């Protein structure tokens, strides 16, 4: 599903951040951009989840997949916030 690909991309970006291979940016500045990007993606996914839940029901497979994707994004955001 598209959400699995998106989380893979987000994890790859985070790995670049963790290993400090982002050329031309300070690690702290990059973390700020990454946080904002994750927050935006979380909000987009929440809007999508609401729409899917309204159309298919809150317990539909698609609504649950979107919910799990949001959980993954929130976990990644939490990891970034914990790193110094």
C-alpha atoms as a PDB file:
ATOM      1  CA  UNK A   1       0.000   0.000   0.000  1.00  0.00           C
ATOM      2  CA  UNK A   2       1.054   3.601  -0.508  1.00  0.00           C
ATOM      3  CA  UNK A   3       1.424   4.175   3.248  1.00  0.00           C
ATOM      4  CA  UNK A   4       4.037   1.440   3.544  1.00  0.00           C
ATOM      5  CA  UNK A   5       6.102   3.131   0.832  1.00  0.00           C
ATOM      6  CA  UNK A   6       5.722   6.513   2.538  1.00  0.00           C
ATOM      7  CA  UNK A   7       6.936   5.216   5.882  1.00  0.00           C
ATOM      8  CA  UNK A   8       9.894   3.593   4.122  1.00  0.00           C
ATOM      9  CA  UNK A   9      10.795   6.958   2.605  1.00  0.00           C
ATOM     10  CA  UNK A  10      10.407   8.703   5.963  1.00  0.00           C
ATOM     11  CA  UNK A  11      12.643   6.095   7.618  1.00  0.00           C
ATOM     12  CA  UNK A  12      15.289   6.552   4.931  1.00  0.00           C
ATOM     13  CA  UNK A  13      15.293  10.304   5.517  1.00  0.00           C
ATOM     14  CA  UNK A  14      15.577   9.710   9.257  1.00  0.00           C
ATOM     15  CA  UNK A  15      18.518   7.353   8.692  1.00  0.00           C
ATOM     16  CA  UNK A  16      20.284  10.077   6.736  1.00  0.00           C
ATOM     17  CA  UNK A  17      19.640  12.405   9.654  1.00  0.00           C
ATOM     18  CA  UNK A  18      20.903   9.960  12.279  1.00  0.00           C
ATOM     19  CA  UNK A  19      24.163   9.272  10.495  1.00  0.00           C
ATOM     20  CA  UNK A  20      24.756  12.966   9.825  1.00  0.00           C
ATOM     21  CA  UNK A  21      25.236  12.525   6.101  1.00  0.00           C
ATOM     22  CA  UNK A  22      23.077  15.464   5.108  1.00  0.00           C
ATOM     23  CA  UNK A  23      25.538  17.736   3.370  1.00  0.00           C
ATOM     24  CA  UNK A  24      25.297  21.482   3.925  1.00  0.00           C
ATOM     25  CA  UNK A  25      22.807  21.412   6.807  1.00  0.00           C
ATOM     26  CA  UNK A  26      23.448  21.309  10.487  1.00  0.00           C
ATOM     27  CA  UNK A  27      22.003  18.270  12.171  1.00  0.00           C
ATOM     28  CA  UNK A  28      19.863  20.417  14.458  1.00  0.00           C
ATOM     29  CA  UNK A  29      18.439  22.458  11.574  1.00  0.00           C
ATOM     30  CA  UNK A  30      17.677  19.334   9.631  1.00  0.00           C
ATOM     31  CA  UNK A  31      15.869  17.811  12.622  1.00  0.00           C
ATOM     32  CA  UNK A  32      13.604  20.865  12.691  1.00  0.00           C
ATOM     33  CA  UNK A  33      12.732  20.427   9.030  1.00  0.00           C
ATOM     34  CA  UNK A  34      12.195  16.708   9.513  1.00  0.00           C
ATOM     35  CA  UNK A  35       9.875  17.344  12.481  1.00  0.00           C
ATOM     36  CA  UNK A  36       7.804  19.795  10.448  1.00  0.00           C
ATOM     37  CA  UNK A  37       7.637  17.372   7.534  1.00  0.00           C
ATOM     38  CA  UNK A  38       6.449  14.566   9.794  1.00  0.00           C
ATOM     39  CA  UNK A  39       3.849  16.818  11.410  1.00  0.00           C
ATOM     40  CA  UNK A  40       2.504  17.784   7.979  1.00  0.00           C
ATOM     41  CA  UNK A  41       2.385  14.131   6.881  1.00  0.00           C
ATOM     42  CA  UNK A  42       0.621  13.168  10.109  1.00  0.00           C
ATOM     43  CA  UNK A  43      -2.030  15.831   9.538  1.00  0.00           C
ATOM     44  CA  UNK A  44      -2.548  14.737   5.912  1.00  0.00           C
ATOM     45  CA  UNK A  45      -2.895  11.122   7.007  1.00  0.00           C
ATOM     46  CA  UNK A  46      -5.362  12.084   9.754  1.00  0.00           C
ATOM     47  CA  UNK A  47      -7.532  13.908   7.236  1.00  0.00           C
ATOM     48  CA  UNK A  48      -7.359  10.873   4.962  1.00  0.00           C
ATOM     49  CA  UNK A  49      -8.239   8.534   7.823  1.00  0.00           C
ATOM     50  CA  UNK A  50     -11.289  10.616   8.702  1.00  0.00           C
ATOM     51  CA  UNK A  51     -12.450  10.525   5.084  1.00  0.00           C
ATOM     52  CA  UNK A  52     -11.899   6.772   4.794  1.00  0.00           C
ATOM     53  CA  UNK A  53     -13.681   6.164   8.115  1.00  0.00           C
ATOM     54  CA  UNK A  54     -16.669   8.232   6.978  1.00  0.00           C
ATOM     55  CA  UNK A  55     -16.890   6.358   3.675  1.00  0.00           C
ATOM     56  CA  UNK A  56     -16.029   2.822   4.789  1.00  0.00           C
ATOM     57  CA  UNK A  57     -16.535   2.770   8.548  1.00  0.00           C
ATOM     58  CA  UNK A  58     -14.134   3.243  11.417  1.00  0.00           C
ATOM     59  CA  UNK A  59     -13.202  -0.436  11.573  1.00  0.00           C
ATOM     60  CA  UNK A  60     -12.626  -0.967   7.846  1.00  0.00           C
ATOM     61  CA  UNK A  61      -9.296  -2.450   6.773  1.00  0.00           C
ATOM     62  CA  UNK A  62      -8.343   0.773   4.985  1.00  0.00           C
ATOM     63  CA  UNK A  63      -9.110   2.942   8.008  1.00  0.00           C
ATOM     64  CA  UNK A  64      -7.040   0.637  10.196  1.00  0.00           C
ATOM     65  CA  UNK A  65      -4.125   0.741   7.744  1.00  0.00           C
ATOM     66  CA  UNK A  66      -4.142   4.523   7.727  1.00  0.00           C
ATOM     67  CA  UNK A  67      -4.347   4.533  11.523  1.00  0.00           C
ATOM     68  CA  UNK A  68      -1.331   2.215  11.748  1.00  0.00           C
ATOM     69  CA  UNK A  69       0.582   4.439   9.327  1.00  0.00           C
ATOM     70  CA  UNK A  70      -0.164   7.445  11.547  1.00  0.00           C
ATOM     71  CA  UNK A  71       1.092   5.468  14.541  1.00  0.00           C
ATOM     72  CA  UNK A  72       4.365   4.798  12.711  1.00  0.00           C
ATOM     73  CA  UNK A  73       4.767   8.466  11.838  1.00  0.00           C
ATOM     74  CA  UNK A  74       4.066   9.475  15.438  1.00  0.00           C
ATOM     75  CA  UNK A  75       6.652   6.964  16.661  1.00  0.00           C
ATOM     76  CA  UNK A  76       9.254   8.405  14.268  1.00  0.00           C
ATOM     77  CA  UNK A  77       8.432  11.922  15.421  1.00  0.00           C
ATOM     78  CA  UNK A  78       8.839  10.826  19.033  1.00  0.00           C
ATOM     79  CA  UNK A  79      12.260   9.289  18.254  1.00  0.00           C
ATOM     80  CA  UNK A  80      13.429  12.538  16.666  1.00  0.00           C
ATOM     81  CA  UNK A  81      12.237  14.571  19.626  1.00  0.00           C
ATOM     82  CA  UNK A  82      14.178  12.313  22.003  1.00  0.00           C
ATOM     83  CA  UNK A  83      17.489  12.673  20.148  1.00  0.00           C
ATOM     84  CA  UNK A  84      19.672  15.636  20.990  1.00  0.00           C
END
